[in-house]
Amino acid sequence: MPNLDEIREIGSLTVSVEREEQLEACLKAENIQRIYLDESSFSEEEIRRFAKKIKERGIEVALRFRRIERREDQGKSCLSWLTENEETSLFSAFLFRSLDQVSVLQRVEKRNFHSVFDYTLYSYNASALEVWKDFGAETITFPIELNFREDKDFSSWTKKAGLSTELLLYGHLPMMVSANCVEKTRNGCTKKNHILGLKDRQNKELSVRLYCKFCYNQIFNADVFSLFGLEKEVAALKPDSLRLEFTVESKNEVEEVLQGKINKSFTRGHFHKGIE
């Protein structure tokens, strides 16, 4: 069984949640430094309420922005979350996931939050990291497409650039983001954050998460990504923090992962094989 205590010695532990039951499980766990609330998964009222609950537990609160930023989206824009004093005081950090959001960051003069750039932003070489630093990045997430050898180079580049790093340790990797809603095509729009399933040609079920708040779907790999059991290699990358991403997991599954248990098939992604 993977040793989560050993993992916590490598770097601080952060988690992202998309459901209230996942948050409940994380609030019971020990040694979690930061919890990211997913903007697309919760209403604005829920985000505020959950953020206050997290702060009461002495854990850092962060907001993970949506994958797609549209002008016509209902509710708050990325800029609103970053500039309204009442809102920014709730969060110690924001997780930026698109170039649109990064460009908005440039319009924020006073920053009382930590800026984390996600693996969805191109960070495959030292020059890209320098650009992101100029755009206000403080922490960069290891790209999920790099292998272990390339990750070691990435770690070296970030240290030279004066940036901290966060490594994805566990999570369902996105295969596709689509504005063509599976549920709308199948049964009509329900405006509910369902989790559906699609079967591939190998008869494996791919989870489809509907983010109805901003009207897009995300299709995840059938096998969950995990670096549990590779503690020595993970430590060699010297990440400042390690992230567990919870998307389709139940409360019980979250609790098991937080105990270092994974009771389903998993993949190492490109960590060993890389991309040709």
C-alpha atoms as a PDB file:
ATOM      1  CA  MET A   1       0.000   0.000   0.000  1.00  0.00           C
ATOM      2  CA  PRO A   2       1.347   3.490  -0.822  1.00  0.00           C
ATOM      3  CA  ASN A   3       2.612   5.403   2.201  1.00  0.00           C
ATOM      4  CA  LEU A   4       0.753   8.721   2.294  1.00  0.00           C
ATOM      5  CA  ASP A   5       2.765   9.897   5.304  1.00  0.00           C
ATOM      6  CA  GLU A   6       5.932   9.442   3.266  1.00  0.00           C
ATOM      7  CA  ILE A   7       4.342  11.379   0.426  1.00  0.00           C
ATOM      8  CA  ARG A   8       3.474  14.241   2.769  1.00  0.00           C
ATOM      9  CA  GLU A   9       7.165  14.464   3.702  1.00  0.00           C
ATOM     10  CA  ILE A  10       8.003  15.160   0.043  1.00  0.00           C
ATOM     11  CA  GLY A  11       5.790  18.255  -0.217  1.00  0.00           C
ATOM     12  CA  SER A  12       2.640  19.811   1.151  1.00  0.00           C
ATOM     13  CA  LEU A  13      -0.612  18.108   0.164  1.00  0.00           C
ATOM     14  CA  THR A  14      -3.339  19.920  -1.782  1.00  0.00           C
ATOM     15  CA  VAL A  15      -6.668  18.587  -3.054  1.00  0.00           C
ATOM     16  CA  SER A  16      -9.310  19.771  -5.510  1.00  0.00           C
ATOM     17  CA  VAL A  17     -12.984  18.872  -5.073  1.00  0.00           C
ATOM     18  CA  GLU A  18     -16.056  19.011  -7.296  1.00  0.00           C
ATOM     19  CA  ARG A  19     -18.730  17.633  -4.966  1.00  0.00           C
ATOM     20  CA  GLU A  20     -19.773  18.436  -1.407  1.00  0.00           C
ATOM     21  CA  GLU A  21     -19.307  14.848  -0.246  1.00  0.00           C
ATOM     22  CA  GLN A  22     -15.700  14.970  -1.474  1.00  0.00           C
ATOM     23  CA  LEU A  23     -15.140  18.142   0.536  1.00  0.00           C
ATOM     24  CA  GLU A  24     -16.580  16.503   3.648  1.00  0.00           C
ATOM     25  CA  ALA A  25     -14.103  13.641   3.329  1.00  0.00           C
ATOM     26  CA  CYS A  26     -11.171  16.023   2.841  1.00  0.00           C
ATOM     27  CA  LEU A  27     -12.118  18.145   5.864  1.00  0.00           C
ATOM     28  CA  LYS A  28     -11.794  15.042   8.041  1.00  0.00           C
ATOM     29  CA  ALA A  29      -8.310  14.240   6.748  1.00  0.00           C
ATOM     30  CA  GLU A  30      -5.083  15.430   8.354  1.00  0.00           C
ATOM     31  CA  ASN A  31      -2.207  17.441   6.916  1.00  0.00           C
ATOM     32  CA  ILE A  32      -4.034  18.878   3.887  1.00  0.00           C
ATOM     33  CA  GLN A  33      -2.626  22.345   3.365  1.00  0.00           C
ATOM     34  CA  ARG A  34      -4.945  23.658   0.636  1.00  0.00           C
ATOM     35  CA  ILE A  35      -8.317  22.771  -0.846  1.00  0.00           C
ATOM     36  CA  TYR A  36      -9.264  23.953  -4.341  1.00  0.00           C
ATOM     37  CA  LEU A  37     -12.991  24.475  -4.895  1.00  0.00           C
ATOM     38  CA  ASP A  38     -13.942  23.968  -8.536  1.00  0.00           C
ATOM     39  CA  GLU A  39     -15.719  27.049  -9.894  1.00  0.00           C
ATOM     40  CA  SER A  40     -17.718  25.082 -12.467  1.00  0.00           C
ATOM     41  CA  SER A  41     -19.093  22.550  -9.992  1.00  0.00           C
ATOM     42  CA  PHE A  42     -20.582  24.800  -7.329  1.00  0.00           C
ATOM     43  CA  SER A  43     -22.903  27.793  -7.223  1.00  0.00           C
ATOM     44  CA  GLU A  44     -21.476  31.095  -6.026  1.00  0.00           C
ATOM     45  CA  GLU A  45     -23.366  30.723  -2.740  1.00  0.00           C
ATOM     46  CA  GLU A  46     -21.904  27.236  -2.244  1.00  0.00           C
ATOM     47  CA  ILE A  47     -18.399  28.463  -3.008  1.00  0.00           C
ATOM     48  CA  ARG A  48     -18.650  31.160  -0.346  1.00  0.00           C
ATOM     49  CA  ARG A  49     -20.178  28.792   2.205  1.00  0.00           C
ATOM     50  CA  PHE A  50     -17.655  26.016   1.594  1.00  0.00           C
ATOM     51  CA  ALA A  51     -14.750  28.492   1.619  1.00  0.00           C
ATOM     52  CA  LYS A  52     -15.734  29.702   5.077  1.00  0.00           C
ATOM     53  CA  LYS A  53     -16.035  26.114   6.315  1.00  0.00           C
ATOM     54  CA  ILE A  54     -12.549  25.292   5.013  1.00  0.00           C
ATOM     55  CA  LYS A  55     -11.035  28.400   6.625  1.00  0.00           C
ATOM     56  CA  GLU A  56     -12.616  27.453   9.945  1.00  0.00           C
ATOM     57  CA  ARG A  57     -10.637  24.207   9.795  1.00  0.00           C
ATOM     58  CA  GLY A  58      -7.405  26.166   9.372  1.00  0.00           C
ATOM     59  CA  ILE A  59      -6.885  25.001   5.772  1.00  0.00           C
ATOM     60  CA  GLU A  60      -5.983  27.302   2.887  1.00  0.00           C
ATOM     61  CA  VAL A  61      -8.888  27.955   0.501  1.00  0.00           C
ATOM     62  CA  ALA A  62      -8.321  28.234  -3.235  1.00  0.00           C
ATOM     63  CA  LEU A  63     -10.595  28.603  -6.249  1.00  0.00           C
ATOM     64  CA  ARG A  64      -9.931  26.527  -9.358  1.00  0.00           C
ATOM     65  CA  PHE A  65     -11.252  28.396 -12.373  1.00  0.00           C
ATOM     66  CA  ARG A  66     -13.379  26.854 -15.130  1.00  0.00           C
ATOM     67  CA  ARG A  67     -11.772  25.249 -18.191  1.00  0.00           C
ATOM     68  CA  ILE A  68     -13.610  27.487 -20.674  1.00  0.00           C
ATOM     69  CA  GLU A  69     -14.088  31.241 -20.275  1.00  0.00           C
ATOM     70  CA  ARG A  70     -16.923  32.765 -22.326  1.00  0.00           C
ATOM     71  CA  ARG A  71     -18.130  36.339 -22.403  1.00  0.00           C
ATOM     72  CA  GLU A  72     -21.751  35.238 -22.320  1.00  0.00           C
ATOM     73  CA  ASP A  73     -21.375  32.992 -19.258  1.00  0.00           C
ATOM     74  CA  GLN A  74     -23.794  33.672 -16.463  1.00  0.00           C
ATOM     75  CA  GLY A  75     -22.485  34.589 -13.030  1.00  0.00           C
ATOM     76  CA  LYS A  76     -19.104  35.957 -12.045  1.00  0.00           C
ATOM     77  CA  SER A  77     -16.236  36.328 -14.454  1.00  0.00           C
ATOM     78  CA  CYS A  78     -12.671  35.474 -13.562  1.00  0.00           C
ATOM     79  CA  LEU A  79     -11.987  39.205 -13.129  1.00  0.00           C
ATOM     80  CA  SER A  80     -14.768  39.549 -10.551  1.00  0.00           C
ATOM     81  CA  TRP A  81     -13.326  36.840  -8.336  1.00  0.00           C
ATOM     82  CA  LEU A  82      -9.874  38.419  -8.549  1.00  0.00           C
ATOM     83  CA  THR A  83     -10.802  42.027  -7.839  1.00  0.00           C
ATOM     84  CA  GLU A  84     -13.747  42.095  -5.421  1.00  0.00           C
ATOM     85  CA  ASN A  85     -12.280  42.555  -1.945  1.00  0.00           C
ATOM     86  CA  GLU A  86     -14.986  40.557  -0.213  1.00  0.00           C
ATOM     87  CA  GLU A  87     -14.337  37.590  -2.496  1.00  0.00           C
ATOM     88  CA  THR A  88     -10.548  37.640  -2.659  1.00  0.00           C
ATOM     89  CA  SER A  89     -10.348  37.690   1.133  1.00  0.00           C
ATOM     90  CA  LEU A  90     -11.930  34.218   1.094  1.00  0.00           C
ATOM     91  CA  PHE A  91      -9.161  32.697  -1.013  1.00  0.00           C
ATOM     92  CA  SER A  92      -5.453  32.364  -0.413  1.00  0.00           C
ATOM     93  CA  ALA A  93      -4.855  31.187  -3.998  1.00  0.00           C
ATOM     94  CA  PHE A  94      -6.386  30.903  -7.459  1.00  0.00           C
ATOM     95  CA  LEU A  95      -5.677  28.135  -9.964  1.00  0.00           C
ATOM     96  CA  PHE A  96      -5.504  29.493 -13.517  1.00  0.00           C
ATOM     97  CA  ARG A  97      -6.336  27.044 -16.303  1.00  0.00           C
ATOM     98  CA  SER A  98      -6.595  29.035 -19.552  1.00  0.00           C
ATOM     99  CA  LEU A  99      -4.826  31.837 -21.388  1.00  0.00           C
ATOM    100  CA  ASP A 100      -7.960  33.992 -21.079  1.00  0.00           C
ATOM    101  CA  GLN A 101      -7.709  33.816 -17.309  1.00  0.00           C
ATOM    102  CA  VAL A 102      -3.985  34.555 -17.365  1.00  0.00           C
ATOM    103  CA  SER A 103      -4.626  37.679 -19.454  1.00  0.00           C
ATOM    104  CA  VAL A 104      -7.209  38.829 -16.909  1.00  0.00           C
ATOM    105  CA  LEU A 105      -4.612  38.479 -14.155  1.00  0.00           C
ATOM    106  CA  GLN A 106      -2.652  41.286 -15.813  1.00  0.00           C
ATOM    107  CA  ARG A 107      -5.480  43.689 -15.020  1.00  0.00           C
ATOM    108  CA  VAL A 108      -5.298  43.056 -11.288  1.00  0.00           C
ATOM    109  CA  GLU A 109      -3.155  45.729  -9.638  1.00  0.00           C
ATOM    110  CA  LYS A 110      -3.375  44.683  -5.993  1.00  0.00           C
ATOM    111  CA  ARG A 111      -2.867  40.974  -5.344  1.00  0.00           C
ATOM    112  CA  ASN A 112      -3.384  39.446  -1.934  1.00  0.00           C
ATOM    113  CA  PHE A 113      -3.463  35.887  -3.259  1.00  0.00           C
ATOM    114  CA  HIS A 114      -1.084  33.237  -4.595  1.00  0.00           C
ATOM    115  CA  SER A 115      -1.285  32.476  -8.326  1.00  0.00           C
ATOM    116  CA  VAL A 116      -0.995  28.841  -9.425  1.00  0.00           C
ATOM    117  CA  PHE A 117      -0.852  27.936 -13.130  1.00  0.00           C
ATOM    118  CA  ASP A 118      -2.272  24.531 -14.049  1.00  0.00           C
ATOM    119  CA  TYR A 119      -0.971  21.781 -16.355  1.00  0.00           C
ATOM    120  CA  THR A 120      -3.469  22.943 -19.004  1.00  0.00           C
ATOM    121  CA  LEU A 121      -1.158  25.896 -19.743  1.00  0.00           C
ATOM    122  CA  TYR A 122       1.837  25.244 -22.018  1.00  0.00           C
ATOM    123  CA  SER A 123       4.940  24.904 -19.842  1.00  0.00           C
ATOM    124  CA  TYR A 124       7.174  22.504 -21.759  1.00  0.00           C
ATOM    125  CA  ASN A 125      10.392  24.531 -21.783  1.00  0.00           C
ATOM    126  CA  ALA A 126      12.344  27.127 -19.817  1.00  0.00           C
ATOM    127  CA  SER A 127      11.276  29.981 -22.116  1.00  0.00           C
ATOM    128  CA  ALA A 128       7.585  29.269 -21.480  1.00  0.00           C
ATOM    129  CA  LEU A 129       8.190  29.378 -17.732  1.00  0.00           C
ATOM    130  CA  GLU A 130       9.845  32.782 -18.002  1.00  0.00           C
ATOM    131  CA  VAL A 131       6.797  34.045 -19.907  1.00  0.00           C
ATOM    132  CA  TRP A 132       4.416  32.732 -17.251  1.00  0.00           C
ATOM    133  CA  LYS A 133       6.512  34.343 -14.535  1.00  0.00           C
ATOM    134  CA  ASP A 134       6.176  37.673 -16.345  1.00  0.00           C
ATOM    135  CA  PHE A 135       2.418  37.058 -16.459  1.00  0.00           C
ATOM    136  CA  GLY A 136       2.278  36.683 -12.685  1.00  0.00           C
ATOM    137  CA  ALA A 137       2.736  32.953 -12.057  1.00  0.00           C
ATOM    138  CA  GLU A 138       4.133  31.978  -8.675  1.00  0.00           C
ATOM    139  CA  THR A 139       3.554  28.219  -8.791  1.00  0.00           C
ATOM    140  CA  ILE A 140       3.567  26.081 -11.938  1.00  0.00           C
ATOM    141  CA  THR A 141       2.016  22.616 -12.197  1.00  0.00           C
ATOM    142  CA  PHE A 142       4.148  19.881 -13.767  1.00  0.00           C
ATOM    143  CA  PRO A 143       2.813  19.177 -17.304  1.00  0.00           C
ATOM    144  CA  ILE A 144       1.071  15.798 -17.448  1.00  0.00           C
ATOM    145  CA  GLU A 145       2.572  15.069 -20.891  1.00  0.00           C
ATOM    146  CA  LEU A 146       6.186  14.972 -19.678  1.00  0.00           C
ATOM    147  CA  ASN A 147       7.999  11.822 -18.622  1.00  0.00           C
ATOM    148  CA  PHE A 148      10.147  11.472 -15.523  1.00  0.00           C
ATOM    149  CA  ARG A 149      13.383  12.585 -17.217  1.00  0.00           C
ATOM    150  CA  GLU A 150      11.666  15.623 -18.717  1.00  0.00           C
ATOM    151  CA  ASP A 151      10.048  16.372 -15.358  1.00  0.00           C
ATOM    152  CA  LYS A 152      13.527  16.574 -13.806  1.00  0.00           C
ATOM    153  CA  ASP A 153      14.452  19.206 -16.398  1.00  0.00           C
ATOM    154  CA  PHE A 154      11.210  21.035 -15.666  1.00  0.00           C
ATOM    155  CA  SER A 155      12.022  21.034 -11.959  1.00  0.00           C
ATOM    156  CA  SER A 156      15.427  22.535 -12.675  1.00  0.00           C
ATOM    157  CA  TRP A 157      13.937  25.235 -14.928  1.00  0.00           C
ATOM    158  CA  THR A 158      11.392  26.306 -12.333  1.00  0.00           C
ATOM    159  CA  LYS A 159      14.012  26.570  -9.600  1.00  0.00           C
ATOM    160  CA  LYS A 160      16.171  28.773 -11.846  1.00  0.00           C
ATOM    161  CA  ALA A 161      13.152  30.943 -12.633  1.00  0.00           C
ATOM    162  CA  GLY A 162      12.309  31.308  -8.931  1.00  0.00           C
ATOM    163  CA  LEU A 163       8.989  29.485  -9.264  1.00  0.00           C
ATOM    164  CA  SER A 164       7.535  26.843  -6.980  1.00  0.00           C
ATOM    165  CA  THR A 165       5.996  23.648  -8.360  1.00  0.00           C
ATOM    166  CA  GLU A 166       2.954  21.457  -7.818  1.00  0.00           C
ATOM    167  CA  LEU A 167       2.793  17.868  -9.037  1.00  0.00           C
ATOM    168  CA  LEU A 168      -0.393  15.967  -9.834  1.00  0.00           C
ATOM    169  CA  LEU A 169      -0.240  12.801  -7.758  1.00  0.00           C
ATOM    170  CA  TYR A 170      -3.706  11.401  -8.411  1.00  0.00           C
ATOM    171  CA  GLY A 171      -6.688  12.234 -10.607  1.00  0.00           C
ATOM    172  CA  HIS A 172      -8.776  11.354 -13.641  1.00  0.00           C
ATOM    173  CA  LEU A 173      -6.987  12.934 -16.601  1.00  0.00           C
ATOM    174  CA  PRO A 174      -9.140  14.845 -19.093  1.00  0.00           C
ATOM    175  CA  MET A 175      -9.241  13.407 -22.606  1.00  0.00           C
ATOM    176  CA  MET A 176     -11.548  16.000 -24.120  1.00  0.00           C
ATOM    177  CA  VAL A 177     -13.383  19.200 -23.232  1.00  0.00           C
ATOM    178  CA  SER A 178     -16.519  19.702 -25.298  1.00  0.00           C
ATOM    179  CA  ALA A 179     -19.206  22.369 -25.650  1.00  0.00           C
ATOM    180  CA  ASN A 180     -21.336  19.734 -27.416  1.00  0.00           C
ATOM    181  CA  CYS A 181     -23.233  18.338 -24.415  1.00  0.00           C
ATOM    182  CA  VAL A 182     -23.760  14.566 -24.346  1.00  0.00           C
ATOM    183  CA  GLU A 183     -26.912  14.864 -22.233  1.00  0.00           C
ATOM    184  CA  LYS A 184     -28.411  17.612 -24.410  1.00  0.00           C
ATOM    185  CA  THR A 185     -27.865  15.484 -27.514  1.00  0.00           C
ATOM    186  CA  ARG A 186     -29.285  12.380 -25.848  1.00  0.00           C
ATOM    187  CA  ASN A 187     -32.231  13.609 -23.758  1.00  0.00           C
ATOM    188  CA  GLY A 188     -32.256  17.400 -23.902  1.00  0.00           C
ATOM    189  CA  CYS A 189     -30.760  19.944 -21.536  1.00  0.00           C
ATOM    190  CA  THR A 190     -31.400  19.210 -17.845  1.00  0.00           C
ATOM    191  CA  LYS A 191     -29.109  21.852 -16.300  1.00  0.00           C
ATOM    192  CA  LYS A 192     -27.904  19.308 -13.735  1.00  0.00           C
ATOM    193  CA  ASN A 193     -24.298  18.397 -13.074  1.00  0.00           C
ATOM    194  CA  HIS A 194     -24.661  14.738 -14.003  1.00  0.00           C
ATOM    195  CA  ILE A 195     -21.859  12.235 -14.357  1.00  0.00           C
ATOM    196  CA  LEU A 196     -22.484  10.008 -17.378  1.00  0.00           C
ATOM    197  CA  GLY A 197     -20.580   7.115 -18.915  1.00  0.00           C
ATOM    198  CA  LEU A 198     -19.367   6.329 -22.424  1.00  0.00           C
ATOM    199  CA  LYS A 199     -17.849   3.002 -23.472  1.00  0.00           C
ATOM    200  CA  ASP A 200     -14.838   2.886 -25.743  1.00  0.00           C
ATOM    201  CA  ARG A 201     -13.916   0.165 -28.257  1.00  0.00           C
ATOM    202  CA  GLN A 202     -12.229  -1.830 -25.484  1.00  0.00           C
ATOM    203  CA  ASN A 203     -15.485  -1.756 -23.526  1.00  0.00           C
ATOM    204  CA  LYS A 204     -13.957   0.501 -20.871  1.00  0.00           C
ATOM    205  CA  GLU A 205     -16.231   3.139 -19.386  1.00  0.00           C
ATOM    206  CA  LEU A 206     -15.164   6.775 -19.700  1.00  0.00           C
ATOM    207  CA  SER A 207     -16.681   9.150 -17.171  1.00  0.00           C
ATOM    208  CA  VAL A 208     -18.299  12.257 -18.648  1.00  0.00           C
ATOM    209  CA  ARG A 209     -18.690  15.166 -16.247  1.00  0.00           C
ATOM    210  CA  LEU A 210     -21.341  17.753 -17.161  1.00  0.00           C
ATOM    211  CA  TYR A 211     -20.495  21.266 -15.979  1.00  0.00           C
ATOM    212  CA  CYS A 212     -23.895  22.808 -16.594  1.00  0.00           C
ATOM    213  CA  LYS A 213     -23.074  26.072 -14.836  1.00  0.00           C
ATOM    214  CA  PHE A 214     -20.893  27.007 -17.811  1.00  0.00           C
ATOM    215  CA  CYS A 215     -22.336  24.534 -20.331  1.00  0.00           C
ATOM    216  CA  TYR A 216     -19.462  22.217 -21.189  1.00  0.00           C
ATOM    217  CA  ASN A 217     -18.534  18.549 -20.757  1.00  0.00           C
ATOM    218  CA  GLN A 218     -15.250  16.940 -19.815  1.00  0.00           C
ATOM    219  CA  ILE A 219     -14.490  13.346 -20.785  1.00  0.00           C
ATOM    220  CA  PHE A 220     -11.981  11.557 -18.552  1.00  0.00           C
ATOM    221  CA  ASN A 221      -9.666   8.622 -19.123  1.00  0.00           C
ATOM    222  CA  ALA A 222     -11.188   5.306 -18.069  1.00  0.00           C
ATOM    223  CA  ASP A 223      -8.212   4.539 -15.792  1.00  0.00           C
ATOM    224  CA  VAL A 224      -7.322   6.975 -13.042  1.00  0.00           C
ATOM    225  CA  PHE A 225      -3.833   8.508 -13.062  1.00  0.00           C
ATOM    226  CA  SER A 226      -1.720   7.738  -9.993  1.00  0.00           C
ATOM    227  CA  LEU A 227       1.885   8.128  -8.899  1.00  0.00           C
ATOM    228  CA  PHE A 228       1.277   6.304  -5.626  1.00  0.00           C
ATOM    229  CA  GLY A 229       4.038   3.758  -5.105  1.00  0.00           C
ATOM    230  CA  LEU A 230       6.631   5.898  -6.922  1.00  0.00           C
ATOM    231  CA  GLU A 231       7.640   7.940  -3.881  1.00  0.00           C
ATOM    232  CA  LYS A 232      11.391   7.864  -4.651  1.00  0.00           C
ATOM    233  CA  GLU A 233      10.896   9.165  -8.180  1.00  0.00           C
ATOM    234  CA  VAL A 234       8.399  11.771  -6.997  1.00  0.00           C
ATOM    235  CA  ALA A 235      10.844  12.948  -4.312  1.00  0.00           C
ATOM    236  CA  ALA A 236      13.596  13.282  -6.936  1.00  0.00           C
ATOM    237  CA  LEU A 237      11.480  15.916  -8.712  1.00  0.00           C
ATOM    238  CA  LYS A 238      11.467  18.072  -5.551  1.00  0.00           C
ATOM    239  CA  PRO A 239       7.889  19.338  -5.900  1.00  0.00           C
ATOM    240  CA  ASP A 240       6.809  21.959  -3.365  1.00  0.00           C
ATOM    241  CA  SER A 241       3.302  20.520  -3.245  1.00  0.00           C
ATOM    242  CA  LEU A 242       1.427  17.422  -4.400  1.00  0.00           C
ATOM    243  CA  ARG A 243      -2.160  17.531  -5.639  1.00  0.00           C
ATOM    244  CA  LEU A 244      -4.959  14.995  -5.472  1.00  0.00           C
ATOM    245  CA  GLU A 245      -7.762  15.833  -7.941  1.00  0.00           C
ATOM    246  CA  PHE A 246     -11.185  14.456  -7.104  1.00  0.00           C
ATOM    247  CA  THR A 247     -13.811  14.582  -9.849  1.00  0.00           C
ATOM    248  CA  VAL A 248     -16.146  11.576 -10.112  1.00  0.00           C
ATOM    249  CA  GLU A 249     -15.173   9.871  -6.844  1.00  0.00           C
ATOM    250  CA  SER A 250     -17.682   9.111  -4.105  1.00  0.00           C
ATOM    251  CA  LYS A 251     -17.045  10.092  -0.478  1.00  0.00           C
ATOM    252  CA  ASN A 252     -15.844   6.564   0.316  1.00  0.00           C
ATOM    253  CA  GLU A 253     -13.461   6.551  -2.639  1.00  0.00           C
ATOM    254  CA  VAL A 254     -12.004   9.906  -1.552  1.00  0.00           C
ATOM    255  CA  GLU A 255     -11.478   8.584   1.964  1.00  0.00           C
ATOM    256  CA  GLU A 256      -9.685   5.518   0.578  1.00  0.00           C
ATOM    257  CA  VAL A 257      -7.380   7.611  -1.611  1.00  0.00           C
ATOM    258  CA  LEU A 258      -6.551   9.840   1.364  1.00  0.00           C
ATOM    259  CA  GLN A 259      -5.525   6.649   3.149  1.00  0.00           C
ATOM    260  CA  GLY A 260      -3.281   5.691   0.233  1.00  0.00           C
ATOM    261  CA  LYS A 261      -5.636   3.058  -1.188  1.00  0.00           C
ATOM    262  CA  ILE A 262      -6.627   2.751  -4.845  1.00  0.00           C
ATOM    263  CA  ASN A 263      -9.078  -0.071  -5.448  1.00  0.00           C
ATOM    264  CA  LYS A 264      -9.381   0.276  -9.223  1.00  0.00           C
ATOM    265  CA  SER A 265      -7.225   0.088 -12.325  1.00  0.00           C
ATOM    266  CA  PHE A 266      -4.852   2.992 -12.759  1.00  0.00           C
ATOM    267  CA  THR A 267      -2.327   4.373 -15.205  1.00  0.00           C
ATOM    268  CA  ARG A 268       1.016   6.119 -14.843  1.00  0.00           C
ATOM    269  CA  GLY A 269       0.128   8.300 -17.814  1.00  0.00           C
ATOM    270  CA  HIS A 270       3.245   9.538 -19.603  1.00  0.00           C
ATOM    271  CA  PHE A 271       5.402   9.442 -16.457  1.00  0.00           C
ATOM    272  CA  HIS A 272       7.474   6.511 -17.732  1.00  0.00           C
ATOM    273  CA  LYS A 273       6.686   6.259 -21.432  1.00  0.00           C
ATOM    274  CA  GLY A 274       6.460   9.908 -22.461  1.00  0.00           C
ATOM    275  CA  ILE A 275       5.134  11.096 -25.808  1.00  0.00           C
ATOM    276  CA  GLU A 276       6.776  10.149 -29.086  1.00  0.00           C
END
